[in-house]
């Protein structure tokens, strides 16, 4: 870190923003394989919270890689940097008093742990969207698994790059066995009580 950089303290702090918004700010980090339902669930959660008056923002893997992280590939080093940058952005939103829905594969436990450290464990809710590879591959919503199986997408998570299941997530939702309405209800029932100001 550059020794000439000094963190500036602003007159309006996070607690002021929370009071103004009327709710807690959390980073809700949805992790799971491609096709598990992360983005769909995150979008549905955000829509419901927004309708109820919560201040929210959704960070999604493809959208972030099309903009902020468009200089990154899918090597191990680039994946780690991808998650680090996302965590830093989520931290800024959290400081602004916003509820962040973060939908990223986040395949490595070490990268997720780093994100939690950057954001702060008190602000971080890890939710595992659990769905077996064979089900995600059968869905293949974006046609990515088929391309990966043909060797057209190297380092694809679940095919030739690892995915480490979270060992102690705050919540696990199984989208293979639970219908979408039940998955959404489980998420909202878990998340919404944590958004109340003390």
N, C-alpha and C. Protein backbone atom coordinates (compact mmCIF):
# COMPACT_ATOMS: atom_id res chain seq x y z
N UNK A 1 0.84 -1.19 0.00
CA UNK A 1 0.00 0.00 0.00
C UNK A 1 0.88 1.25 0.00
N UNK A 2 0.48 2.24 -0.75
CA UNK A 2 1.24 3.48 -0.85
C UNK A 2 1.17 4.25 0.47
N UNK A 3 2.34 4.58 1.02
CA UNK A 3 2.38 5.27 2.32
C UNK A 3 1.88 6.71 2.25
N UNK A 4 1.71 7.21 1.03
CA UNK A 4 1.20 8.58 0.87
C UNK A 4 -0.32 8.65 0.83
N UNK A 5 -0.97 7.47 0.88
CA UNK A 5 -2.43 7.44 0.89
C UNK A 5 -2.94 7.44 2.32
N UNK A 6 -3.90 8.30 2.59
CA UNK A 6 -4.48 8.40 3.93
C UNK A 6 -5.99 8.30 3.81
N UNK A 7 -6.57 7.34 4.54
CA UNK A 7 -8.02 7.16 4.48
C UNK A 7 -8.72 8.38 5.07
N UNK A 8 -9.69 8.90 4.34
CA UNK A 8 -10.42 10.09 4.77
C UNK A 8 -11.71 9.70 5.49
N UNK A 9 -11.97 10.34 6.61
CA UNK A 9 -13.21 10.10 7.35
C UNK A 9 -14.22 11.16 6.96
N UNK A 10 -15.39 10.72 6.48
CA UNK A 10 -16.41 11.65 6.02
C UNK A 10 -17.39 11.98 7.14
N UNK A 11 -18.03 13.13 7.06
CA UNK A 11 -18.96 13.53 8.14
C UNK A 11 -20.21 12.65 8.23
N UNK A 12 -20.61 12.04 7.12
CA UNK A 12 -21.77 11.14 7.13
C UNK A 12 -21.25 9.72 7.14
N UNK A 13 -21.61 8.96 8.17
CA UNK A 13 -21.14 7.59 8.30
C UNK A 13 -22.21 6.57 7.99
N UNK A 14 -21.82 5.31 8.07
CA UNK A 14 -22.74 4.23 7.76
C UNK A 14 -23.97 4.25 8.65
N UNK A 15 -23.77 4.50 9.93
CA UNK A 15 -24.92 4.50 10.86
C UNK A 15 -25.94 5.58 10.48
N UNK A 16 -25.45 6.71 9.97
CA UNK A 16 -26.36 7.77 9.51
C UNK A 16 -27.18 7.28 8.31
N UNK A 17 -26.53 6.56 7.43
CA UNK A 17 -27.22 6.07 6.24
C UNK A 17 -28.24 4.99 6.59
N UNK A 18 -27.86 4.11 7.52
CA UNK A 18 -28.79 3.07 7.95
C UNK A 18 -30.05 3.68 8.56
N UNK A 19 -29.84 4.67 9.39
CA UNK A 19 -30.98 5.35 10.03
C UNK A 19 -31.86 6.00 8.98
N UNK A 20 -31.23 6.61 7.99
CA UNK A 20 -31.98 7.27 6.93
C UNK A 20 -32.75 6.26 6.08
N UNK A 21 -32.15 5.10 5.84
CA UNK A 21 -32.78 4.06 5.02
C UNK A 21 -33.82 3.27 5.80
N UNK A 22 -33.62 3.17 7.12
CA UNK A 22 -34.58 2.44 7.95
C UNK A 22 -34.36 0.93 7.98
N UNK A 23 -33.17 0.48 7.57
CA UNK A 23 -32.87 -0.95 7.61
C UNK A 23 -31.37 -1.17 7.64
N UNK A 24 -30.98 -2.39 8.03
CA UNK A 24 -29.57 -2.77 8.01
C UNK A 24 -29.08 -2.92 6.57
N UNK A 25 -27.78 -2.84 6.42
CA UNK A 25 -27.14 -3.11 5.13
C UNK A 25 -26.38 -4.42 5.24
N UNK A 26 -26.66 -5.34 4.37
CA UNK A 26 -25.99 -6.63 4.34
C UNK A 26 -25.53 -6.95 2.92
N UNK A 27 -24.48 -7.75 2.83
CA UNK A 27 -24.06 -8.30 1.54
C UNK A 27 -24.50 -9.76 1.54
N UNK A 28 -25.45 -10.08 0.69
CA UNK A 28 -26.01 -11.42 0.61
C UNK A 28 -25.33 -12.12 -0.56
N UNK A 29 -24.38 -12.98 -0.24
CA UNK A 29 -23.49 -13.58 -1.24
C UNK A 29 -24.01 -14.96 -1.61
N UNK A 30 -24.63 -15.06 -2.78
CA UNK A 30 -25.16 -16.34 -3.27
C UNK A 30 -24.09 -17.04 -4.09
N UNK A 31 -23.73 -18.24 -3.67
CA UNK A 31 -22.67 -19.00 -4.31
C UNK A 31 -23.21 -20.33 -4.82
N UNK A 32 -22.76 -20.74 -6.00
CA UNK A 32 -23.21 -22.01 -6.56
C UNK A 32 -22.77 -22.14 -8.00
N UNK A 33 -22.94 -23.32 -8.53
CA UNK A 33 -22.54 -23.60 -9.92
C UNK A 33 -23.36 -22.79 -10.92
N UNK A 34 -22.82 -22.64 -12.10
CA UNK A 34 -23.58 -22.05 -13.20
C UNK A 34 -24.82 -22.92 -13.45
N UNK A 35 -25.98 -22.28 -13.51
CA UNK A 35 -27.22 -23.01 -13.72
C UNK A 35 -27.92 -23.44 -12.44
N UNK A 36 -27.33 -23.11 -11.30
CA UNK A 36 -27.94 -23.51 -10.02
C UNK A 36 -29.16 -22.66 -9.67
N UNK A 37 -29.24 -21.46 -10.25
CA UNK A 37 -30.38 -20.58 -9.98
C UNK A 37 -30.02 -19.34 -9.18
N UNK A 38 -28.73 -19.07 -9.01
CA UNK A 38 -28.28 -17.91 -8.22
C UNK A 38 -28.85 -16.59 -8.72
N UNK A 39 -28.64 -16.32 -9.98
CA UNK A 39 -29.03 -15.02 -10.53
C UNK A 39 -30.55 -14.83 -10.52
N UNK A 40 -31.26 -15.90 -10.86
CA UNK A 40 -32.72 -15.82 -10.85
C UNK A 40 -33.24 -15.53 -9.45
N UNK A 41 -32.73 -16.26 -8.46
CA UNK A 41 -33.16 -16.05 -7.08
C UNK A 41 -32.76 -14.66 -6.59
N UNK A 42 -31.54 -14.25 -6.90
CA UNK A 42 -31.09 -12.92 -6.47
C UNK A 42 -31.99 -11.84 -7.06
N UNK A 43 -32.34 -11.98 -8.34
CA UNK A 43 -33.22 -11.00 -8.98
C UNK A 43 -34.60 -10.97 -8.36
N UNK A 44 -35.12 -12.15 -8.03
CA UNK A 44 -36.45 -12.21 -7.41
C UNK A 44 -36.44 -11.66 -5.99
N UNK A 45 -35.37 -11.95 -5.25
CA UNK A 45 -35.25 -11.39 -3.89
C UNK A 45 -35.19 -9.87 -3.97
N UNK A 46 -34.35 -9.36 -4.87
CA UNK A 46 -34.21 -7.91 -4.98
C UNK A 46 -35.54 -7.26 -5.34
N UNK A 47 -36.27 -7.86 -6.26
CA UNK A 47 -37.56 -7.28 -6.68
C UNK A 47 -38.52 -7.18 -5.50
N UNK A 48 -38.57 -8.22 -4.67
CA UNK A 48 -39.48 -8.21 -3.52
C UNK A 48 -39.02 -7.20 -2.48
N UNK A 49 -37.72 -7.18 -2.18
CA UNK A 49 -37.21 -6.22 -1.19
C UNK A 49 -37.40 -4.78 -1.67
N UNK A 50 -37.14 -4.56 -2.95
CA UNK A 50 -37.33 -3.22 -3.53
C UNK A 50 -38.78 -2.77 -3.40
N UNK A 51 -39.69 -3.69 -3.69
CA UNK A 51 -41.13 -3.38 -3.60
C UNK A 51 -41.52 -3.00 -2.17
N UNK A 52 -40.82 -3.60 -1.21
CA UNK A 52 -41.10 -3.31 0.19
C UNK A 52 -40.39 -2.05 0.70
N UNK A 53 -39.63 -1.41 -0.16
CA UNK A 53 -39.00 -0.15 0.21
C UNK A 53 -37.55 -0.25 0.65
N UNK A 54 -36.94 -1.45 0.57
CA UNK A 54 -35.53 -1.60 0.93
C UNK A 54 -34.65 -1.02 -0.18
N UNK A 55 -33.51 -0.47 0.22
CA UNK A 55 -32.53 0.03 -0.75
C UNK A 55 -31.60 -1.13 -1.11
N UNK A 56 -31.62 -1.53 -2.39
CA UNK A 56 -30.90 -2.73 -2.82
C UNK A 56 -30.08 -2.48 -4.08
N UNK A 57 -29.12 -3.38 -4.31
CA UNK A 57 -28.42 -3.40 -5.59
C UNK A 57 -27.95 -4.83 -5.85
N UNK A 58 -28.08 -5.27 -7.09
CA UNK A 58 -27.71 -6.63 -7.49
C UNK A 58 -26.43 -6.61 -8.30
N UNK A 59 -25.43 -7.34 -7.83
CA UNK A 59 -24.19 -7.56 -8.57
C UNK A 59 -24.23 -8.97 -9.14
N UNK A 60 -24.09 -9.08 -10.45
CA UNK A 60 -24.19 -10.37 -11.13
C UNK A 60 -22.91 -10.65 -11.91
N UNK A 61 -22.52 -11.92 -11.95
CA UNK A 61 -21.25 -12.31 -12.55
C UNK A 61 -21.02 -11.82 -13.97
N UNK A 62 -21.94 -12.10 -14.87
CA UNK A 62 -21.75 -11.70 -16.27
C UNK A 62 -21.70 -10.18 -16.41
N UNK A 63 -22.59 -9.48 -15.71
CA UNK A 63 -22.63 -8.03 -15.82
C UNK A 63 -21.33 -7.38 -15.34
N UNK A 64 -20.80 -7.89 -14.24
CA UNK A 64 -19.55 -7.33 -13.71
C UNK A 64 -18.39 -7.61 -14.67
N UNK A 65 -18.38 -8.80 -15.26
CA UNK A 65 -17.29 -9.14 -16.18
C UNK A 65 -17.40 -8.37 -17.51
N UNK A 66 -18.58 -7.90 -17.83
CA UNK A 66 -18.74 -7.09 -19.04
C UNK A 66 -18.28 -5.65 -18.83
N UNK A 67 -18.12 -5.24 -17.58
CA UNK A 67 -17.72 -3.87 -17.28
C UNK A 67 -16.47 -3.81 -16.44
N UNK A 68 -16.64 -3.70 -15.13
CA UNK A 68 -15.53 -3.53 -14.19
C UNK A 68 -14.40 -4.54 -14.40
N UNK A 69 -14.75 -5.80 -14.63
CA UNK A 69 -13.74 -6.86 -14.71
C UNK A 69 -13.53 -7.39 -16.12
N UNK A 70 -13.75 -6.54 -17.12
CA UNK A 70 -13.63 -7.02 -18.50
C UNK A 70 -12.18 -7.28 -18.92
N UNK A 71 -11.25 -6.94 -18.04
CA UNK A 71 -9.83 -7.20 -18.33
C UNK A 71 -9.36 -8.53 -17.75
N UNK A 72 -10.28 -9.26 -17.09
CA UNK A 72 -9.90 -10.50 -16.43
C UNK A 72 -10.36 -11.72 -17.22
N UNK A 73 -9.53 -12.76 -17.19
CA UNK A 73 -9.90 -14.03 -17.80
C UNK A 73 -10.41 -15.00 -16.75
N UNK A 74 -10.15 -16.29 -16.97
CA UNK A 74 -10.66 -17.30 -16.05
C UNK A 74 -9.54 -18.18 -15.48
N UNK A 75 -8.33 -17.66 -15.47
CA UNK A 75 -7.24 -18.35 -14.79
C UNK A 75 -7.51 -18.29 -13.29
N UNK A 76 -6.80 -19.10 -12.53
CA UNK A 76 -6.97 -19.10 -11.08
C UNK A 76 -6.69 -17.71 -10.50
N UNK A 77 -5.63 -17.08 -10.98
CA UNK A 77 -5.26 -15.75 -10.50
C UNK A 77 -6.35 -14.73 -10.84
N UNK A 78 -6.88 -14.79 -12.06
CA UNK A 78 -7.91 -13.84 -12.47
C UNK A 78 -9.23 -14.07 -11.73
N UNK A 79 -9.56 -15.32 -11.45
CA UNK A 79 -10.78 -15.61 -10.69
C UNK A 79 -10.68 -15.01 -9.28
N UNK A 80 -9.51 -15.15 -8.67
CA UNK A 80 -9.30 -14.58 -7.34
C UNK A 80 -9.43 -13.06 -7.37
N UNK A 81 -8.84 -12.44 -8.39
CA UNK A 81 -8.93 -10.99 -8.52
C UNK A 81 -10.37 -10.55 -8.81
N UNK A 82 -11.10 -11.34 -9.60
CA UNK A 82 -12.50 -11.06 -9.89
C UNK A 82 -13.31 -10.96 -8.59
N UNK A 83 -13.15 -11.95 -7.72
CA UNK A 83 -13.89 -11.97 -6.46
C UNK A 83 -13.42 -10.85 -5.53
N UNK A 84 -12.12 -10.56 -5.52
CA UNK A 84 -11.60 -9.48 -4.68
C UNK A 84 -12.22 -8.13 -5.07
N UNK A 85 -12.25 -7.85 -6.36
CA UNK A 85 -12.83 -6.58 -6.82
C UNK A 85 -14.32 -6.50 -6.49
N UNK A 86 -15.01 -7.60 -6.71
CA UNK A 86 -16.45 -7.62 -6.40
C UNK A 86 -16.67 -7.36 -4.92
N UNK A 87 -15.85 -7.98 -4.07
CA UNK A 87 -15.97 -7.78 -2.63
C UNK A 87 -15.72 -6.32 -2.25
N UNK A 88 -14.75 -5.70 -2.89
CA UNK A 88 -14.47 -4.28 -2.60
C UNK A 88 -15.65 -3.39 -3.01
N UNK A 89 -16.24 -3.69 -4.16
CA UNK A 89 -17.42 -2.93 -4.60
C UNK A 89 -18.58 -3.15 -3.64
N UNK A 90 -18.80 -4.42 -3.26
CA UNK A 90 -19.87 -4.74 -2.32
C UNK A 90 -19.66 -4.03 -0.99
N UNK A 91 -18.40 -3.94 -0.56
CA UNK A 91 -18.09 -3.25 0.70
C UNK A 91 -18.47 -1.77 0.63
N UNK A 92 -18.20 -1.15 -0.51
CA UNK A 92 -18.56 0.26 -0.69
C UNK A 92 -20.08 0.45 -0.64
N UNK A 93 -20.81 -0.44 -1.31
CA UNK A 93 -22.27 -0.38 -1.26
C UNK A 93 -22.76 -0.57 0.17
N UNK A 94 -22.12 -1.50 0.89
CA UNK A 94 -22.51 -1.75 2.27
C UNK A 94 -22.29 -0.51 3.13
N UNK A 95 -21.16 0.17 2.93
CA UNK A 95 -20.90 1.41 3.66
C UNK A 95 -21.93 2.48 3.33
N UNK A 96 -22.48 2.40 2.12
CA UNK A 96 -23.50 3.36 1.70
C UNK A 96 -24.88 3.01 2.25
N UNK A 97 -24.97 1.89 2.98
CA UNK A 97 -26.24 1.49 3.59
C UNK A 97 -27.14 0.67 2.69
N UNK A 98 -26.58 0.13 1.62
CA UNK A 98 -27.35 -0.60 0.62
C UNK A 98 -27.28 -2.10 0.89
N UNK A 99 -28.38 -2.80 0.65
CA UNK A 99 -28.40 -4.27 0.69
C UNK A 99 -27.90 -4.76 -0.66
N UNK A 100 -26.82 -5.52 -0.65
CA UNK A 100 -26.23 -6.02 -1.90
C UNK A 100 -26.58 -7.48 -2.08
N UNK A 101 -27.15 -7.81 -3.23
CA UNK A 101 -27.35 -9.20 -3.65
C UNK A 101 -26.21 -9.52 -4.60
N UNK A 102 -25.37 -10.47 -4.22
CA UNK A 102 -24.18 -10.81 -4.99
C UNK A 102 -24.32 -12.24 -5.50
N UNK A 103 -24.43 -12.41 -6.82
CA UNK A 103 -24.65 -13.73 -7.41
C UNK A 103 -23.44 -14.12 -8.26
N UNK A 104 -22.53 -14.90 -7.65
CA UNK A 104 -21.31 -15.29 -8.33
C UNK A 104 -21.00 -16.76 -8.02
N UNK A 105 -20.45 -17.46 -8.99
CA UNK A 105 -20.08 -18.85 -8.77
C UNK A 105 -19.15 -18.95 -7.55
N UNK A 106 -18.18 -18.07 -7.46
CA UNK A 106 -17.25 -18.02 -6.32
C UNK A 106 -16.76 -19.43 -5.96
N UNK A 107 -16.04 -20.10 -6.84
CA UNK A 107 -15.78 -21.53 -6.66
C UNK A 107 -14.82 -21.90 -5.53
N UNK A 108 -13.94 -20.97 -5.12
CA UNK A 108 -12.91 -21.34 -4.15
C UNK A 108 -13.20 -20.79 -2.76
N UNK A 109 -13.06 -21.66 -1.77
CA UNK A 109 -13.33 -21.27 -0.38
C UNK A 109 -12.43 -20.13 0.07
N UNK A 110 -11.16 -20.14 -0.35
CA UNK A 110 -10.23 -19.08 0.06
C UNK A 110 -10.67 -17.72 -0.47
N UNK A 111 -11.19 -17.67 -1.69
CA UNK A 111 -11.66 -16.40 -2.26
C UNK A 111 -12.90 -15.90 -1.53
N UNK A 112 -13.80 -16.82 -1.18
CA UNK A 112 -15.01 -16.43 -0.43
C UNK A 112 -14.63 -15.93 0.96
N UNK A 113 -13.63 -16.58 1.57
CA UNK A 113 -13.17 -16.14 2.89
C UNK A 113 -12.56 -14.75 2.82
N UNK A 114 -11.82 -14.48 1.74
CA UNK A 114 -11.24 -13.15 1.56
C UNK A 114 -12.35 -12.11 1.39
N UNK A 115 -13.38 -12.45 0.64
CA UNK A 115 -14.51 -11.53 0.45
C UNK A 115 -15.17 -11.22 1.80
N UNK A 116 -15.34 -12.24 2.61
CA UNK A 116 -15.95 -12.04 3.93
C UNK A 116 -15.09 -11.14 4.80
N UNK A 117 -13.77 -11.31 4.75
CA UNK A 117 -12.86 -10.47 5.54
C UNK A 117 -12.95 -9.02 5.08
N UNK A 118 -12.96 -8.81 3.76
CA UNK A 118 -13.00 -7.45 3.23
C UNK A 118 -14.30 -6.74 3.59
N UNK A 119 -15.39 -7.46 3.50
CA UNK A 119 -16.72 -6.87 3.75
C UNK A 119 -17.02 -6.79 5.24
N UNK A 120 -16.48 -7.74 6.00
CA UNK A 120 -16.74 -7.82 7.44
C UNK A 120 -17.77 -8.90 7.71
N UNK A 121 -17.43 -9.84 8.60
CA UNK A 121 -18.32 -10.98 8.84
C UNK A 121 -19.69 -10.55 9.34
N UNK A 122 -19.76 -9.41 10.03
CA UNK A 122 -21.04 -8.93 10.54
C UNK A 122 -21.95 -8.42 9.43
N UNK A 123 -21.38 -8.16 8.26
CA UNK A 123 -22.14 -7.63 7.13
C UNK A 123 -22.39 -8.67 6.04
N UNK A 124 -21.82 -9.86 6.21
CA UNK A 124 -21.72 -10.85 5.12
C UNK A 124 -22.62 -12.05 5.42
N UNK A 125 -23.51 -12.37 4.48
CA UNK A 125 -24.37 -13.55 4.60
C UNK A 125 -24.07 -14.45 3.41
N UNK A 126 -23.50 -15.62 3.70
CA UNK A 126 -23.17 -16.57 2.62
C UNK A 126 -24.30 -17.58 2.46
N UNK A 127 -24.84 -17.64 1.25
CA UNK A 127 -25.93 -18.56 0.95
C UNK A 127 -25.49 -19.49 -0.18
N UNK A 128 -25.53 -20.78 0.11
CA UNK A 128 -25.14 -21.79 -0.87
C UNK A 128 -26.37 -22.22 -1.65
N UNK A 129 -26.37 -21.93 -2.94
CA UNK A 129 -27.43 -22.40 -3.82
C UNK A 129 -26.97 -23.76 -4.35
N UNK A 130 -27.42 -24.78 -3.66
CA UNK A 130 -26.93 -26.14 -3.86
C UNK A 130 -27.73 -26.83 -4.97
N UNK A 131 -27.00 -27.25 -5.99
CA UNK A 131 -27.62 -27.99 -7.09
C UNK A 131 -26.53 -28.85 -7.72
N UNK A 132 -26.74 -30.15 -7.84
CA UNK A 132 -25.69 -31.03 -8.37
C UNK A 132 -25.30 -30.66 -9.80
N UNK A 133 -24.06 -30.97 -10.11
CA UNK A 133 -23.53 -30.66 -11.44
C UNK A 133 -24.39 -31.25 -12.54
N UNK A 134 -24.83 -32.50 -12.40
CA UNK A 134 -25.58 -33.14 -13.49
C UNK A 134 -26.91 -32.43 -13.75
N UNK A 135 -27.50 -31.84 -12.69
CA UNK A 135 -28.75 -31.09 -12.86
C UNK A 135 -28.47 -29.75 -13.54
N UNK A 136 -27.42 -29.05 -13.07
CA UNK A 136 -27.05 -27.77 -13.69
C UNK A 136 -26.71 -27.97 -15.16
N UNK A 137 -26.01 -29.08 -15.43
CA UNK A 137 -25.60 -29.35 -16.81
C UNK A 137 -26.81 -29.70 -17.67
N UNK A 138 -27.78 -30.36 -17.09
CA UNK A 138 -29.01 -30.69 -17.83
C UNK A 138 -29.79 -29.42 -18.16
N UNK A 139 -29.81 -28.49 -17.22
CA UNK A 139 -30.49 -27.20 -17.47
C UNK A 139 -29.74 -26.42 -18.54
N UNK A 140 -28.43 -26.27 -18.35
CA UNK A 140 -27.52 -25.57 -19.27
C UNK A 140 -28.18 -24.35 -19.91
N UNK A 141 -28.65 -23.46 -19.05
CA UNK A 141 -29.44 -22.31 -19.48
C UNK A 141 -28.73 -21.49 -20.56
N UNK A 142 -27.42 -21.31 -20.43
CA UNK A 142 -26.67 -20.46 -21.36
C UNK A 142 -25.91 -21.28 -22.42
N UNK A 143 -26.03 -22.61 -22.36
CA UNK A 143 -25.30 -23.45 -23.31
C UNK A 143 -23.82 -23.55 -23.03
N UNK A 144 -23.41 -23.18 -21.81
CA UNK A 144 -21.99 -23.12 -21.49
C UNK A 144 -21.39 -24.51 -21.22
N UNK A 145 -22.17 -25.37 -20.57
CA UNK A 145 -21.65 -26.71 -20.28
C UNK A 145 -21.37 -27.47 -21.57
N UNK A 146 -22.26 -27.34 -22.53
CA UNK A 146 -22.07 -28.03 -23.82
C UNK A 146 -20.78 -27.55 -24.48
N UNK A 147 -20.53 -26.25 -24.44
CA UNK A 147 -19.30 -25.70 -25.01
C UNK A 147 -18.08 -26.19 -24.24
N UNK A 148 -18.20 -26.23 -22.90
CA UNK A 148 -17.07 -26.68 -22.07
C UNK A 148 -16.74 -28.13 -22.34
N UNK A 149 -17.78 -28.96 -22.51
CA UNK A 149 -17.56 -30.39 -22.80
C UNK A 149 -16.86 -30.59 -24.15
N UNK A 150 -17.07 -29.63 -25.07
CA UNK A 150 -16.41 -29.71 -26.38
C UNK A 150 -15.02 -29.08 -26.36
N UNK A 151 -14.62 -28.55 -25.20
CA UNK A 151 -13.31 -27.92 -25.09
C UNK A 151 -13.27 -26.49 -25.58
N UNK A 152 -14.44 -25.90 -25.80
CA UNK A 152 -14.49 -24.54 -26.32
C UNK A 152 -14.36 -23.49 -25.21
N UNK A 153 -14.64 -23.89 -23.96
CA UNK A 153 -14.47 -22.99 -22.81
C UNK A 153 -13.54 -23.68 -21.82
N UNK A 154 -12.26 -23.29 -21.79
CA UNK A 154 -11.34 -23.90 -20.84
C UNK A 154 -11.58 -23.38 -19.42
N UNK A 155 -11.12 -24.13 -18.45
CA UNK A 155 -11.21 -23.74 -17.03
C UNK A 155 -12.65 -23.45 -16.61
N UNK A 156 -13.58 -24.27 -17.07
CA UNK A 156 -14.98 -24.06 -16.73
C UNK A 156 -15.30 -24.77 -15.42
N UNK A 157 -15.86 -24.02 -14.47
CA UNK A 157 -16.13 -24.56 -13.14
C UNK A 157 -17.06 -25.76 -13.20
N UNK A 158 -16.63 -26.83 -12.55
CA UNK A 158 -17.41 -28.06 -12.50
C UNK A 158 -17.00 -29.07 -13.57
N UNK A 159 -16.36 -28.59 -14.63
CA UNK A 159 -15.92 -29.47 -15.71
C UNK A 159 -14.41 -29.70 -15.60
N UNK A 160 -13.63 -28.64 -15.81
CA UNK A 160 -12.18 -28.80 -15.67
C UNK A 160 -11.56 -27.77 -14.72
N UNK A 161 -12.41 -27.15 -13.91
CA UNK A 161 -11.95 -26.27 -12.83
C UNK A 161 -12.78 -26.61 -11.60
N UNK A 162 -12.17 -26.57 -10.42
CA UNK A 162 -12.86 -27.05 -9.22
C UNK A 162 -13.95 -26.10 -8.70
N UNK A 163 -14.90 -26.70 -7.99
CA UNK A 163 -15.87 -25.94 -7.21
C UNK A 163 -15.87 -26.53 -5.81
N UNK A 164 -15.56 -25.70 -4.82
CA UNK A 164 -15.50 -26.14 -3.43
C UNK A 164 -16.79 -25.74 -2.72
N UNK A 165 -17.58 -26.72 -2.34
CA UNK A 165 -18.83 -26.43 -1.64
C UNK A 165 -18.55 -25.69 -0.32
N UNK A 166 -19.33 -24.67 -0.01
CA UNK A 166 -19.17 -24.02 1.30
C UNK A 166 -19.39 -25.03 2.42
N UNK A 167 -18.51 -25.02 3.43
CA UNK A 167 -18.62 -25.98 4.53
C UNK A 167 -19.61 -25.53 5.60
N UNK A 168 -19.67 -24.23 5.83
CA UNK A 168 -20.59 -23.71 6.85
C UNK A 168 -21.28 -22.45 6.37
N UNK A 169 -22.09 -22.56 5.31
CA UNK A 169 -22.82 -21.37 4.85
C UNK A 169 -23.87 -20.96 5.88
N UNK A 170 -24.29 -19.73 5.81
CA UNK A 170 -25.34 -19.27 6.71
C UNK A 170 -26.67 -19.93 6.38
N UNK A 171 -26.86 -20.27 5.11
CA UNK A 171 -28.08 -20.94 4.66
C UNK A 171 -27.77 -21.74 3.40
N UNK A 172 -28.36 -22.91 3.29
CA UNK A 172 -28.28 -23.70 2.06
C UNK A 172 -29.68 -23.86 1.49
N UNK A 173 -29.81 -23.58 0.20
CA UNK A 173 -31.07 -23.77 -0.51
C UNK A 173 -30.80 -24.76 -1.64
N UNK A 174 -31.57 -25.84 -1.67
CA UNK A 174 -31.36 -26.87 -2.68
C UNK A 174 -32.36 -26.67 -3.81
N UNK A 175 -31.86 -26.19 -4.94
CA UNK A 175 -32.76 -25.90 -6.07
C UNK A 175 -33.05 -27.12 -6.93
N UNK A 176 -32.44 -28.26 -6.59
CA UNK A 176 -32.81 -29.50 -7.27
C UNK A 176 -34.12 -30.02 -6.70
N UNK A 177 -34.25 -29.98 -5.38
CA UNK A 177 -35.42 -30.57 -4.72
C UNK A 177 -36.52 -29.56 -4.41
N UNK A 178 -36.14 -28.31 -4.19
CA UNK A 178 -37.14 -27.29 -3.82
C UNK A 178 -37.64 -26.55 -5.06
N UNK A 179 -38.95 -26.40 -5.22
CA UNK A 179 -39.45 -25.58 -6.32
C UNK A 179 -39.05 -24.12 -6.12
N UNK A 180 -39.02 -23.33 -7.18
CA UNK A 180 -38.57 -21.94 -7.08
C UNK A 180 -39.27 -21.13 -5.99
N UNK A 181 -40.60 -21.32 -5.84
CA UNK A 181 -41.35 -20.55 -4.85
C UNK A 181 -40.87 -20.86 -3.43
N UNK A 182 -40.56 -22.14 -3.16
CA UNK A 182 -40.09 -22.53 -1.84
C UNK A 182 -38.67 -22.02 -1.59
N UNK A 183 -37.83 -22.11 -2.60
CA UNK A 183 -36.46 -21.58 -2.47
C UNK A 183 -36.49 -20.10 -2.13
N UNK A 184 -37.32 -19.36 -2.83
CA UNK A 184 -37.45 -17.93 -2.61
C UNK A 184 -37.97 -17.63 -1.21
N UNK A 185 -38.96 -18.39 -0.76
CA UNK A 185 -39.52 -18.20 0.58
C UNK A 185 -38.47 -18.46 1.65
N UNK A 186 -37.71 -19.53 1.49
CA UNK A 186 -36.66 -19.85 2.46
C UNK A 186 -35.65 -18.70 2.56
N UNK A 187 -35.27 -18.17 1.42
CA UNK A 187 -34.31 -17.07 1.40
C UNK A 187 -34.86 -15.83 2.09
N UNK A 188 -36.07 -15.46 1.73
CA UNK A 188 -36.66 -14.25 2.31
C UNK A 188 -36.90 -14.41 3.81
N UNK A 189 -37.37 -15.58 4.22
CA UNK A 189 -37.61 -15.83 5.64
C UNK A 189 -36.31 -15.74 6.45
N UNK A 190 -35.22 -16.11 5.83
CA UNK A 190 -33.92 -16.06 6.51
C UNK A 190 -33.33 -14.65 6.51
N UNK A 191 -33.45 -13.96 5.36
CA UNK A 191 -32.78 -12.67 5.18
C UNK A 191 -33.51 -11.53 5.87
N UNK A 192 -34.82 -11.46 5.69
CA UNK A 192 -35.53 -10.25 6.10
C UNK A 192 -35.41 -9.91 7.59
N UNK A 193 -35.45 -10.88 8.50
CA UNK A 193 -35.26 -10.51 9.91
C UNK A 193 -33.91 -9.86 10.20
N UNK A 194 -32.91 -10.18 9.39
CA UNK A 194 -31.55 -9.63 9.59
C UNK A 194 -31.43 -8.19 9.09
N UNK A 195 -32.46 -7.69 8.46
CA UNK A 195 -32.42 -6.35 7.90
C UNK A 195 -33.04 -5.30 8.83
N UNK A 196 -33.59 -5.76 9.94
CA UNK A 196 -34.22 -4.82 10.87
C UNK A 196 -33.18 -4.07 11.68
N UNK A 197 -33.40 -2.78 11.85
CA UNK A 197 -32.51 -1.98 12.70
C UNK A 197 -32.75 -2.37 14.15
N UNK A 198 -31.67 -2.40 14.92
CA UNK A 198 -31.81 -2.76 16.34
C UNK A 198 -32.31 -1.58 17.15
